[in-house]
């Protein structure tokens, strides 16, 4: 190792010995071949890492399986080639960085696995399952910056997952409720992730992984899904720890039905009407299922409330919003990390272009809040947006999790490459991903809405540190075992570990004055 955060190197065995099949849980693995519950997979080895791409974890959700819980994947005979990514789920919004010319299909429930090439059944390596972001409308487990090779080089099995997006993944309608009155309903993208975690748990040992040591982690929409999985009874026992990156911790989702102004069913009815479907009952459902995946994924003009697809509180898969689940002590009792970036407001450019759209809502407290944030109107609007959408909700969930007797840690990623520090306000939404995955490039690279310059040794140092903490958490359920700067638990003391321009440092009582303001604003908006 070049430093205490240097990249670990796994020594690949000079010759791989064939293992004897002893059931699916301890399936044979020789080099780049592995036997899982559905059949034999052939992957690809490159240096110290073997990858298996395009592995089905559920049946294609097409035809009569559209808007149904994911069904079990089919078995196959012979050897299935797992050397190329499967298509992404249908996209509703513009591609994210690294997602150019991506193949799309409604048949998209596949995952990808990276393992140390030397891994064999029985090793009980930690497993990490990545849930991608993209506003529930775009993204895929195959994006280049999610490549899990570096995690595998650190002795971790890394899995990335596709899940249904947009109206194919998050959709409700009275006809669907009538078809399945006892549910589950609406949250098909959430159900896909639960199905993927079940598949990983059932097959982890075949890759040399420990089915009892799975870390679920994700960013943005993926981070929100982590929090919803923390509140999902069906996900209990499928992961042993969780990381929510930029997970908007106060996100409630929408009720699937009821008297609220916005419900999943009302949004679904409005969409159906825009598509010329006014029938009710089975006929409405027949017409909806007759629409093409492309039609369902296309933007709709003139629709008063197109409804941004998102998880729903359906009473079964998600019995209550995650903030309430944490507040009532109903969340999964697992070690938990939450964090965000210093410029989450990059996701909301209006806060910079039209700061009054943010500041006008502050009422009589405006001047006091402006003084606390200490900047010009545009700066205050952006910083308040960053803290109220992500950073304070991180603190909120971490405090509640600690109150419930669980270990929680929070981080703040503010590192920006030296060449860009005068040009941007901070680390943009999603900007930490390339560091966490150690996928920095040695040439200028488009990422998170801007072009990153060629990586410098300083950049790599921060990336190595972040990866080391994530790996330590996956291996030992304690990120502080990484061997770097102390990372104390979030509580007591509102401790945060900051990845910043001056390195990696713990920050006690982090941003308390302004986060207290953001908390009061949030509580007032919720009528508490």
Protein backbone atom coordinates (compact mmCIF):
# COMPACT_ATOMS: atom_id res chain seq x y z
CA UNK A 1 0.00 0.00 0.00
CA UNK A 2 1.34 3.44 -0.94
CA UNK A 3 -0.41 5.07 2.03
CA UNK A 4 -2.94 4.15 4.69
CA UNK A 5 -5.60 4.76 2.03
CA UNK A 6 -3.66 3.12 -0.80
CA UNK A 7 -5.44 0.70 -3.06
CA UNK A 8 -5.45 -2.84 -1.73
CA UNK A 9 -4.34 -5.53 -4.14
CA UNK A 10 -5.80 -8.99 -4.19
CA UNK A 11 -3.38 -11.73 -5.23
CA UNK A 12 -5.00 -13.87 -7.88
CA UNK A 13 -4.41 -17.60 -7.54
CA UNK A 14 -2.04 -18.93 -10.16
CA UNK A 15 -4.35 -21.79 -10.96
CA UNK A 16 -8.07 -22.07 -10.20
CA UNK A 17 -9.36 -25.37 -8.84
CA UNK A 18 -12.84 -26.55 -9.69
CA UNK A 19 -15.18 -26.70 -6.71
CA UNK A 20 -17.73 -29.47 -6.20
CA UNK A 21 -21.36 -28.47 -6.44
CA UNK A 22 -22.98 -28.82 -3.02
CA UNK A 23 -26.28 -27.09 -3.61
CA UNK A 24 -27.06 -23.57 -4.75
CA UNK A 25 -25.83 -21.92 -1.54
CA UNK A 26 -22.32 -23.29 -2.06
CA UNK A 27 -22.36 -23.52 -5.82
CA UNK A 28 -19.25 -24.38 -7.76
CA UNK A 29 -17.05 -21.60 -9.02
CA UNK A 30 -14.02 -22.11 -11.19
CA UNK A 31 -12.39 -18.94 -12.54
CA UNK A 32 -15.14 -17.09 -14.41
CA UNK A 33 -17.87 -19.74 -14.12
CA UNK A 34 -20.40 -19.87 -11.32
CA UNK A 35 -23.53 -21.91 -10.61
CA UNK A 36 -26.47 -19.93 -9.24
CA UNK A 37 -29.99 -21.11 -8.46
CA UNK A 38 -31.21 -20.69 -12.05
CA UNK A 39 -28.22 -22.24 -13.85
CA UNK A 40 -24.57 -21.73 -14.76
CA UNK A 41 -23.12 -18.30 -15.57
CA UNK A 42 -19.96 -17.58 -17.52
CA UNK A 43 -18.43 -14.18 -16.78
CA UNK A 44 -15.26 -12.40 -17.75
CA UNK A 45 -11.99 -11.97 -15.86
CA UNK A 46 -9.81 -8.90 -16.30
CA UNK A 47 -6.76 -8.90 -14.08
CA UNK A 48 -7.79 -9.28 -10.45
CA UNK A 49 -11.55 -8.94 -11.06
CA UNK A 50 -14.22 -11.21 -12.50
CA UNK A 51 -17.51 -9.68 -13.61
CA UNK A 52 -20.89 -11.23 -14.41
CA UNK A 53 -23.15 -8.85 -16.33
CA UNK A 54 -26.76 -8.98 -17.38
CA UNK A 55 -27.83 -11.59 -14.83
CA UNK A 56 -31.64 -11.95 -14.55
CA UNK A 57 -32.99 -11.67 -11.02
CA UNK A 58 -36.67 -11.65 -12.03
CA UNK A 59 -38.84 -12.54 -14.99
CA UNK A 60 -39.28 -9.89 -17.71
CA UNK A 61 -42.06 -7.58 -16.41
CA UNK A 62 -43.87 -7.40 -19.75
CA UNK A 63 -47.36 -8.19 -21.03
CA UNK A 64 -49.56 -9.42 -18.20
CA UNK A 65 -46.60 -9.02 -15.80
CA UNK A 66 -46.56 -5.24 -16.31
CA UNK A 67 -47.53 -3.53 -13.03
CA UNK A 68 -47.25 -6.73 -11.07
CA UNK A 69 -44.73 -7.71 -8.39
CA UNK A 70 -41.57 -9.17 -9.94
CA UNK A 71 -41.90 -12.88 -10.71
CA UNK A 72 -39.14 -15.44 -10.22
CA UNK A 73 -36.57 -15.67 -13.02
CA UNK A 74 -36.65 -18.70 -15.28
CA UNK A 75 -34.08 -21.46 -15.03
CA UNK A 76 -31.83 -22.13 -18.00
CA UNK A 77 -29.88 -25.09 -19.28
CA UNK A 78 -26.30 -25.02 -20.40
CA UNK A 79 -24.10 -22.02 -19.71
CA UNK A 80 -25.49 -18.50 -19.86
CA UNK A 81 -23.02 -15.90 -21.10
CA UNK A 82 -22.82 -13.01 -18.63
CA UNK A 83 -20.26 -10.80 -20.34
CA UNK A 84 -22.42 -7.87 -21.54
CA UNK A 85 -24.81 -5.49 -19.83
CA UNK A 86 -28.53 -5.99 -20.33
CA UNK A 87 -30.64 -3.05 -21.49
CA UNK A 88 -31.56 -0.35 -18.99
CA UNK A 89 -35.16 0.02 -17.89
CA UNK A 90 -37.19 2.46 -19.95
CA UNK A 91 -36.04 6.04 -19.37
CA UNK A 92 -38.41 8.97 -18.91
CA UNK A 93 -35.89 11.79 -18.54
CA UNK A 94 -32.63 12.89 -20.10
CA UNK A 95 -29.63 10.61 -19.65
CA UNK A 96 -27.37 11.15 -16.67
CA UNK A 97 -23.63 11.69 -17.21
CA UNK A 98 -22.09 8.45 -18.44
CA UNK A 99 -25.41 7.30 -19.91
CA UNK A 100 -25.09 8.18 -23.59
CA UNK A 101 -26.88 6.08 -26.20
CA UNK A 102 -28.04 3.60 -23.58
CA UNK A 103 -30.09 0.62 -24.71
CA UNK A 104 -33.55 0.53 -23.13
CA UNK A 105 -36.20 -2.12 -22.78
CA UNK A 106 -39.19 -3.00 -20.65
CA UNK A 107 -37.41 -6.36 -20.21
CA UNK A 108 -34.77 -4.95 -17.88
CA UNK A 109 -34.66 -6.72 -14.52
CA UNK A 110 -31.00 -7.67 -14.51
CA UNK A 111 -28.05 -7.12 -12.20
CA UNK A 112 -24.26 -7.08 -12.51
CA UNK A 113 -21.68 -8.60 -10.18
CA UNK A 114 -17.98 -7.84 -9.68
CA UNK A 115 -15.92 -10.21 -7.53
CA UNK A 116 -12.26 -10.74 -6.73
CA UNK A 117 -11.04 -13.19 -9.38
CA UNK A 118 -9.63 -15.36 -6.60
CA UNK A 119 -12.96 -15.59 -4.71
CA UNK A 120 -14.36 -19.06 -4.10
CA UNK A 121 -17.47 -20.38 -2.34
CA UNK A 122 -17.15 -20.37 1.43
CA UNK A 123 -14.98 -17.25 1.69
CA UNK A 124 -17.82 -15.12 3.11
CA UNK A 125 -16.69 -11.89 1.51
CA UNK A 126 -18.82 -8.80 2.23
CA UNK A 127 -21.39 -7.91 -0.43
CA UNK A 128 -22.48 -4.40 -1.43
CA UNK A 129 -25.62 -3.83 -3.53
CA UNK A 130 -25.81 -0.46 -5.34
CA UNK A 131 -29.17 1.14 -6.16
CA UNK A 132 -28.73 3.84 -8.80
CA UNK A 133 -30.23 7.31 -8.81
CA UNK A 134 -31.95 9.25 -11.56
CA UNK A 135 -35.15 10.78 -10.12
CA UNK A 136 -36.95 7.43 -10.55
CA UNK A 137 -37.07 8.21 -14.26
CA UNK A 138 -33.57 7.43 -15.57
CA UNK A 139 -30.37 5.57 -14.77
CA UNK A 140 -29.14 1.98 -14.81
CA UNK A 141 -26.77 -0.32 -13.00
CA UNK A 142 -24.59 -0.34 -16.11
CA UNK A 143 -23.43 3.29 -16.04
CA UNK A 144 -19.67 3.46 -16.39
CA UNK A 145 -19.10 5.24 -13.07
CA UNK A 146 -20.80 2.37 -11.22
CA UNK A 147 -18.18 -0.12 -12.37
CA UNK A 148 -17.46 -2.20 -9.27
CA UNK A 149 -13.91 -3.30 -10.11
CA UNK A 150 -12.22 -1.25 -7.41
CA UNK A 151 -14.55 -2.52 -4.70
CA UNK A 152 -13.71 -6.06 -5.85
CA UNK A 153 -10.01 -5.24 -5.63
CA UNK A 154 -10.66 -4.34 -2.00
CA UNK A 155 -12.17 -7.75 -1.29
CA UNK A 156 -15.84 -6.77 -1.67
CA UNK A 157 -18.41 -8.32 -3.99
CA UNK A 158 -20.20 -5.40 -5.68
CA UNK A 159 -23.64 -5.72 -7.26
CA UNK A 160 -25.50 -3.09 -9.31
CA UNK A 161 -29.22 -3.38 -10.02
CA UNK A 162 -31.73 -2.26 -12.64
CA UNK A 163 -35.27 -1.52 -11.48
CA UNK A 164 -38.42 -0.34 -13.24
CA UNK A 165 -38.60 3.43 -13.68
CA UNK A 166 -41.17 6.08 -14.49
CA UNK A 167 -44.76 4.96 -14.99
CA UNK A 168 -43.63 1.38 -15.42
CA UNK A 169 -42.06 1.36 -11.98
CA UNK A 170 -44.20 3.72 -9.91
CA UNK A 171 -47.81 3.80 -11.01
CA UNK A 172 -51.24 3.45 -9.45
CA UNK A 173 -54.75 3.40 -10.88
CA UNK A 174 -58.12 2.33 -9.46
CA UNK A 175 -58.22 -0.52 -12.00
CA UNK A 176 -54.93 -1.88 -10.66
CA UNK A 177 -56.31 -1.63 -7.13
CA UNK A 178 -59.44 -3.52 -8.17
CA UNK A 179 -57.32 -6.21 -9.82
CA UNK A 180 -55.29 -6.73 -6.65
CA UNK A 181 -57.23 -5.17 -3.75
CA UNK A 182 -54.86 -6.54 -1.12
CA UNK A 183 -51.78 -5.36 -2.98
CA UNK A 184 -48.94 -4.92 -3.19
CA UNK A 185 -49.51 -1.92 -5.44
CA UNK A 186 -47.75 1.05 -7.00
CA UNK A 187 -44.20 0.46 -5.81
CA UNK A 188 -43.00 -1.87 -8.55
CA UNK A 189 -39.54 -0.29 -8.59
CA UNK A 190 -39.26 -0.79 -4.83
CA UNK A 191 -40.42 -4.40 -5.21
CA UNK A 192 -37.76 -4.93 -7.89
CA UNK A 193 -35.04 -3.87 -5.48
CA UNK A 194 -36.43 -6.19 -2.80
CA UNK A 195 -36.43 -9.02 -5.36
CA UNK A 196 -32.83 -8.20 -6.28
CA UNK A 197 -31.76 -8.27 -2.63
CA UNK A 198 -33.51 -11.62 -2.20
CA UNK A 199 -31.67 -12.98 -5.24
CA UNK A 200 -28.33 -11.69 -3.94
CA UNK A 201 -28.92 -13.19 -0.51
CA UNK A 202 -29.86 -16.55 -2.05
CA UNK A 203 -26.87 -16.62 -4.40
CA UNK A 204 -24.14 -14.65 -2.63
CA UNK A 205 -22.31 -17.79 -1.48
CA UNK A 206 -21.92 -18.97 -5.07
CA UNK A 207 -19.68 -15.94 -5.72
CA UNK A 208 -17.80 -16.33 -2.42
CA UNK A 209 -20.00 -13.80 -0.62
CA UNK A 210 -21.54 -13.81 2.83
CA UNK A 211 -25.36 -13.76 2.60
CA UNK A 212 -25.43 -12.46 6.16
CA UNK A 213 -23.24 -9.46 5.38
CA UNK A 214 -24.95 -7.45 2.65
CA UNK A 215 -24.73 -3.65 2.55
CA UNK A 216 -27.45 -1.86 0.56
CA UNK A 217 -26.38 1.56 -0.66
CA UNK A 218 -27.56 4.11 -3.20
CA UNK A 219 -27.57 7.76 -4.23
CA UNK A 220 -30.31 10.34 -4.89
CA UNK A 221 -33.37 8.29 -5.93
CA UNK A 222 -31.30 5.29 -4.88
CA UNK A 223 -30.62 6.94 -1.52
CA UNK A 224 -34.34 7.62 -1.12
CA UNK A 225 -34.99 3.97 -1.91
CA UNK A 226 -32.52 2.96 0.80
CA UNK A 227 -34.61 4.91 3.30
CA UNK A 228 -37.81 3.34 1.97
CA UNK A 229 -36.23 -0.11 2.24
CA UNK A 230 -35.36 0.73 5.85
CA UNK A 231 -39.14 1.19 6.32
CA UNK A 232 -40.20 -1.87 4.29
CA UNK A 233 -41.08 -4.96 6.37
CA UNK A 234 -40.48 -7.28 3.41
CA UNK A 235 -36.88 -6.05 3.17
CA UNK A 236 -36.07 -7.06 6.77
CA UNK A 237 -33.11 -9.39 6.93
CA UNK A 238 -32.12 -8.81 3.31
CA UNK A 239 -29.37 -6.33 4.21
CA UNK A 240 -27.23 -6.01 7.31
CA UNK A 241 -26.35 -2.32 6.94
CA UNK A 242 -27.24 0.63 4.73
CA UNK A 243 -25.78 3.80 3.20
CA UNK A 244 -28.01 6.58 1.88
CA UNK A 245 -26.11 9.10 -0.25
CA UNK A 246 -28.05 12.33 -0.86
CA UNK A 247 -31.21 10.49 0.12
CA UNK A 248 -33.57 13.41 0.92
CA UNK A 249 -34.32 11.89 4.30
CA UNK A 250 -37.59 13.72 4.90
CA UNK A 251 -39.14 12.35 1.68
CA UNK A 252 -42.56 10.90 2.45
CA UNK A 253 -43.60 9.64 -0.96
CA UNK A 254 -47.29 9.98 -1.80
CA UNK A 255 -50.28 8.01 -0.50
CA UNK A 256 -51.55 5.54 -3.05
CA UNK A 257 -55.17 6.48 -2.42
CA UNK A 258 -57.30 8.60 -0.10
CA UNK A 259 -58.45 12.18 0.27
CA UNK A 260 -55.06 13.88 -0.13
CA UNK A 261 -54.81 16.38 -3.02
CA UNK A 262 -52.16 14.19 -4.67
CA UNK A 263 -52.40 10.42 -4.54
CA UNK A 264 -50.97 7.75 -6.76
CA UNK A 265 -54.41 6.84 -8.04
CA UNK A 266 -55.32 10.45 -8.91
CA UNK A 267 -52.06 10.88 -10.79
CA UNK A 268 -52.68 7.59 -12.61
CA UNK A 269 -56.21 8.61 -13.57
CA UNK A 270 -54.95 11.93 -14.95
CA UNK A 271 -52.32 10.15 -17.02
CA UNK A 272 -54.82 7.61 -18.34
CA UNK A 273 -57.17 10.40 -19.40
CA UNK A 274 -54.30 12.14 -21.22
CA UNK A 275 -53.79 8.88 -23.15
CA UNK A 276 -57.50 8.79 -24.06
CA UNK A 277 -58.34 6.04 -21.58
CA UNK A 278 -61.52 6.87 -19.70
CA UNK A 279 -62.81 3.34 -19.20
CA UNK A 280 -62.95 1.86 -15.73
CA UNK A 281 -62.34 -1.57 -14.28
CA UNK A 282 -60.75 -4.37 -16.33
CA UNK A 283 -61.21 -2.53 -19.62
CA UNK A 284 -59.11 0.41 -18.38
CA UNK A 285 -56.40 -1.98 -17.30
CA UNK A 286 -56.51 -3.78 -20.64
CA UNK A 287 -56.07 -0.48 -22.47
CA UNK A 288 -53.25 0.65 -20.18
CA UNK A 289 -51.38 -2.61 -20.67
CA UNK A 290 -51.88 -2.25 -24.43
CA UNK A 291 -49.86 1.00 -24.43
CA UNK A 292 -46.28 0.55 -25.54
CA UNK A 293 -43.42 1.01 -23.12
CA UNK A 294 -42.31 3.96 -25.27
CA UNK A 295 -45.73 5.63 -24.92
CA UNK A 296 -45.73 5.17 -21.17
CA UNK A 297 -42.24 6.63 -20.91
CA UNK A 298 -42.84 9.66 -23.11
CA UNK A 299 -43.35 13.16 -21.66
CA UNK A 300 -46.96 14.30 -21.52
CA UNK A 301 -47.82 17.86 -22.49
CA UNK A 302 -50.86 19.67 -21.18
CA UNK A 303 -51.27 17.42 -18.18
CA UNK A 304 -51.99 19.53 -15.10
CA UNK A 305 -50.24 17.10 -12.74
CA UNK A 306 -48.11 14.56 -14.61
CA UNK A 307 -46.83 13.40 -11.26
CA UNK A 308 -43.14 12.79 -10.87
CA UNK A 309 -42.89 9.03 -10.32
CA UNK A 310 -41.87 8.17 -6.77
CA UNK A 311 -42.40 5.55 -4.08
CA UNK A 312 -45.87 5.43 -2.56
CA UNK A 313 -47.24 4.60 0.85
CA UNK A 314 -49.42 1.64 -0.04
CA UNK A 315 -49.94 0.16 3.42
CA UNK A 316 -48.15 -3.07 2.58
CA UNK A 317 -44.78 -2.75 0.85
CA UNK A 318 -44.39 0.70 2.42
CA UNK A 319 -46.76 0.87 5.40
CA UNK A 320 -45.62 4.35 6.45
CA UNK A 321 -43.30 7.11 5.23
CA UNK A 322 -39.63 6.59 6.19
CA UNK A 323 -39.46 9.70 8.44
CA UNK A 324 -42.40 8.38 10.45
CA UNK A 325 -40.92 4.86 10.53
CA UNK A 326 -37.68 6.27 12.00
CA UNK A 327 -39.61 8.49 14.42
CA UNK A 328 -41.70 5.55 15.66
CA UNK A 329 -38.73 3.16 15.86
CA UNK A 330 -40.08 0.95 13.08
CA UNK A 331 -37.07 1.22 10.76
CA UNK A 332 -34.65 -1.65 10.13
CA UNK A 333 -32.29 -2.05 13.07
CA UNK A 334 -29.03 -2.02 11.11
CA UNK A 335 -25.94 0.24 11.10
CA UNK A 336 -26.68 3.23 8.90
CA UNK A 337 -24.73 5.98 7.12
CA UNK A 338 -26.37 9.07 5.63
CA UNK A 339 -24.74 12.03 3.96
CA UNK A 340 -24.80 14.63 1.24
CA UNK A 341 -22.81 17.11 -0.76
CA UNK A 342 -22.02 20.76 -0.29
CA UNK A 343 -23.91 21.89 -3.41
CA UNK A 344 -27.02 19.73 -3.52
CA UNK A 345 -28.76 22.87 -4.80
CA UNK A 346 -27.16 22.13 -8.18
CA UNK A 347 -30.18 19.88 -8.67
CA UNK A 348 -32.42 22.95 -8.30
CA UNK A 349 -30.87 25.62 -10.58
CA UNK A 350 -33.81 27.94 -9.97
CA UNK A 351 -32.43 28.61 -6.47
CA UNK A 352 -29.50 30.41 -8.11
CA UNK A 353 -31.36 31.97 -11.06
CA UNK A 354 -34.36 33.14 -9.02
CA UNK A 355 -33.36 33.24 -5.34
CA UNK A 356 -36.62 35.00 -4.48
CA UNK A 357 -38.43 31.76 -5.24
CA UNK A 358 -36.73 30.41 -2.11
CA UNK A 359 -36.33 33.51 0.04
CA UNK A 360 -39.87 34.82 -0.39
CA UNK A 361 -41.15 31.85 1.57
CA UNK A 362 -39.16 32.77 4.68
CA UNK A 363 -41.58 35.46 5.89
CA UNK A 364 -40.63 37.62 8.90
CA UNK A 365 -37.58 35.44 9.62
CA UNK A 366 -35.97 36.32 6.31
CA UNK A 367 -33.39 38.80 7.55
CA UNK A 368 -32.33 36.60 10.46
CA UNK A 369 -31.91 33.61 8.16
CA UNK A 370 -30.01 35.70 5.61
CA UNK A 371 -27.63 36.79 8.35
CA UNK A 372 -27.13 33.24 9.61
CA UNK A 373 -26.17 32.01 6.15
CA UNK A 374 -24.06 35.13 5.64
CA UNK A 375 -24.14 35.59 1.90
CA UNK A 376 -25.75 37.24 -1.08
CA UNK A 377 -29.31 36.31 -1.96
CA UNK A 378 -28.35 33.69 -4.56
CA UNK A 379 -25.79 32.14 -2.21
CA UNK A 380 -28.21 32.02 0.71
CA UNK A 381 -30.94 30.50 -1.46
CA UNK A 382 -28.58 27.77 -2.67
CA UNK A 383 -27.10 26.97 0.74
CA UNK A 384 -30.52 26.89 2.37
CA UNK A 385 -31.77 24.62 -0.40
CA UNK A 386 -28.79 22.29 0.07
CA UNK A 387 -29.28 22.07 3.81
CA UNK A 388 -33.06 21.85 3.87
CA UNK A 389 -33.35 19.17 1.19
CA UNK A 390 -30.47 16.84 2.13
CA UNK A 391 -28.09 17.83 4.93
CA UNK A 392 -30.63 18.55 7.70
CA UNK A 393 -32.74 15.49 6.79
CA UNK A 394 -29.54 13.41 7.10
CA UNK A 395 -29.09 14.74 10.61
CA UNK A 396 -32.77 14.15 11.37
CA UNK A 397 -32.73 10.46 10.45
CA UNK A 398 -29.35 9.85 12.09
CA UNK A 399 -30.60 11.39 15.35
CA UNK A 400 -33.74 9.25 15.27
CA UNK A 401 -31.81 6.07 14.46
CA UNK A 402 -29.43 6.73 17.35
CA UNK A 403 -32.38 7.47 19.65
CA UNK A 404 -33.69 4.03 18.72
CA UNK A 405 -30.46 2.47 19.98
CA UNK A 406 -28.80 2.03 16.60
CA UNK A 407 -25.41 3.11 15.25
CA UNK A 408 -25.54 5.93 12.70
CA UNK A 409 -22.86 8.02 11.00
CA UNK A 410 -23.17 11.09 8.79
CA UNK A 411 -20.80 12.55 6.19
CA UNK A 412 -20.50 15.75 4.19
CA UNK A 413 -18.72 15.71 0.84
CA UNK A 414 -17.40 19.14 -0.10
CA UNK A 415 -14.27 18.20 -2.04
CA UNK A 416 -13.86 19.90 -5.42
CA UNK A 417 -10.79 19.47 -7.65
CA UNK A 418 -8.40 22.38 -7.20
CA UNK A 419 -8.81 23.52 -10.81
CA UNK A 420 -12.55 24.04 -10.30
CA UNK A 421 -12.77 25.61 -6.86
CA UNK A 422 -13.22 29.13 -8.21
CA UNK A 423 -15.84 28.05 -10.74
CA UNK A 424 -18.40 26.08 -8.73
CA UNK A 425 -20.09 26.57 -5.39
CA UNK A 426 -19.31 23.09 -4.09
CA UNK A 427 -19.74 19.41 -4.82
CA UNK A 428 -22.74 19.00 -7.09
CA UNK A 429 -25.51 16.49 -6.49
CA UNK A 430 -24.09 13.08 -7.35
CA UNK A 431 -20.53 14.38 -7.39
CA UNK A 432 -19.32 11.98 -4.69
CA UNK A 433 -20.14 8.79 -6.62
CA UNK A 434 -17.03 8.71 -8.77
CA UNK A 435 -14.93 9.08 -5.59
CA UNK A 436 -16.77 6.39 -3.64
CA UNK A 437 -16.31 3.93 -6.51
CA UNK A 438 -12.66 5.00 -7.08
CA UNK A 439 -13.49 5.57 -10.73
CA UNK A 440 -11.67 8.86 -11.28
CA UNK A 441 -10.21 9.24 -14.76
CA UNK A 442 -6.80 10.41 -15.89
CA UNK A 443 -8.39 12.46 -18.69
CA UNK A 444 -11.09 15.17 -18.48
CA UNK A 445 -14.44 13.45 -17.92
CA UNK A 446 -18.08 14.55 -18.01
CA UNK A 447 -19.64 13.79 -14.66
CA UNK A 448 -22.47 15.10 -12.45
CA UNK A 449 -23.34 17.95 -14.78
CA UNK A 450 -19.83 19.26 -15.35
CA UNK A 451 -16.46 18.21 -16.74
CA UNK A 452 -13.98 16.90 -14.19
CA UNK A 453 -10.36 17.67 -15.00
CA UNK A 454 -7.86 14.85 -15.18
CA UNK A 455 -7.52 13.39 -11.69
CA UNK A 456 -4.61 14.55 -9.55
CA UNK A 457 -2.88 12.76 -6.66
CA UNK A 458 -4.94 14.97 -4.30
CA UNK A 459 -8.15 13.80 -5.97
CA UNK A 460 -7.10 10.16 -5.69
CA UNK A 461 -6.27 10.61 -2.01
CA UNK A 462 -9.83 11.72 -1.23
CA UNK A 463 -11.25 8.96 -3.42
CA UNK A 464 -9.10 6.30 -1.74
CA UNK A 465 -10.25 7.54 1.66
CA UNK A 466 -13.94 7.43 0.79
CA UNK A 467 -13.66 3.96 -0.72
CA UNK A 468 -11.73 2.77 2.35
CA UNK A 469 -14.48 3.97 4.72
CA UNK A 470 -17.21 2.33 2.61
CA UNK A 471 -15.23 -0.92 2.45
CA UNK A 472 -14.57 -0.86 6.20
CA UNK A 473 -18.28 -0.39 6.83
CA UNK A 474 -19.10 -3.29 4.52
CA UNK A 475 -16.55 -5.56 6.14
CA UNK A 476 -16.91 -4.69 9.82
CA UNK A 477 -20.10 -2.59 10.18
CA UNK A 478 -17.99 0.33 11.40
CA UNK A 479 -16.56 2.89 8.95
CA UNK A 480 -14.17 4.10 11.64
CA UNK A 481 -12.21 0.86 11.21
CA UNK A 482 -10.83 2.18 7.90
CA UNK A 483 -7.69 3.38 9.66
CA UNK A 484 -7.92 7.02 8.63
CA UNK A 485 -9.29 10.05 10.44
CA UNK A 486 -11.63 9.23 13.32
CA UNK A 487 -15.27 8.96 12.22
CA UNK A 488 -17.32 9.19 15.41
CA UNK A 489 -20.95 8.14 15.45
CA UNK A 490 -23.39 10.91 14.58
CA UNK A 491 -24.81 11.04 18.08
CA UNK A 492 -24.23 12.39 20.59
CA UNK A 493 -22.84 15.66 19.28
CA UNK A 494 -24.04 15.98 15.67
CA UNK A 495 -20.74 14.59 14.42
CA UNK A 496 -20.03 14.60 10.70
CA UNK A 497 -17.04 13.34 8.72
CA UNK A 498 -16.19 15.88 6.04
CA UNK A 499 -14.39 14.98 2.82
CA UNK A 500 -13.09 18.45 1.98
CA UNK A 501 -10.33 20.44 0.36
CA UNK A 502 -8.26 20.19 3.55
CA UNK A 503 -8.59 16.41 3.68
CA UNK A 504 -10.86 14.15 5.69
CA UNK A 505 -11.78 15.40 9.16
CA UNK A 506 -14.47 14.88 11.81
CA UNK A 507 -16.64 17.94 12.44
CA UNK A 508 -18.51 17.94 15.76
CA UNK A 509 -21.64 20.10 16.07
CA UNK A 510 -21.59 20.39 12.29
CA UNK A 511 -23.32 23.52 10.92
CA UNK A 512 -25.62 23.55 13.93
CA UNK A 513 -26.87 27.17 13.64
CA UNK A 514 -28.01 26.88 10.04
CA UNK A 515 -29.18 23.27 10.29
CA UNK A 516 -31.32 24.26 13.26
CA UNK A 517 -32.91 26.92 11.05
CA UNK A 518 -33.49 24.38 8.26
CA UNK A 519 -35.05 22.04 10.82
CA UNK A 520 -37.46 24.73 12.07
CA UNK A 521 -38.48 25.56 8.50
CA UNK A 522 -39.12 21.90 7.77
CA UNK A 523 -41.14 21.38 10.94
CA UNK A 524 -43.19 24.51 10.22
CA UNK A 525 -43.96 23.30 6.70
CA UNK A 526 -45.16 20.01 8.14
CA UNK A 527 -47.36 21.83 10.63
CA UNK A 528 -45.55 20.57 13.71
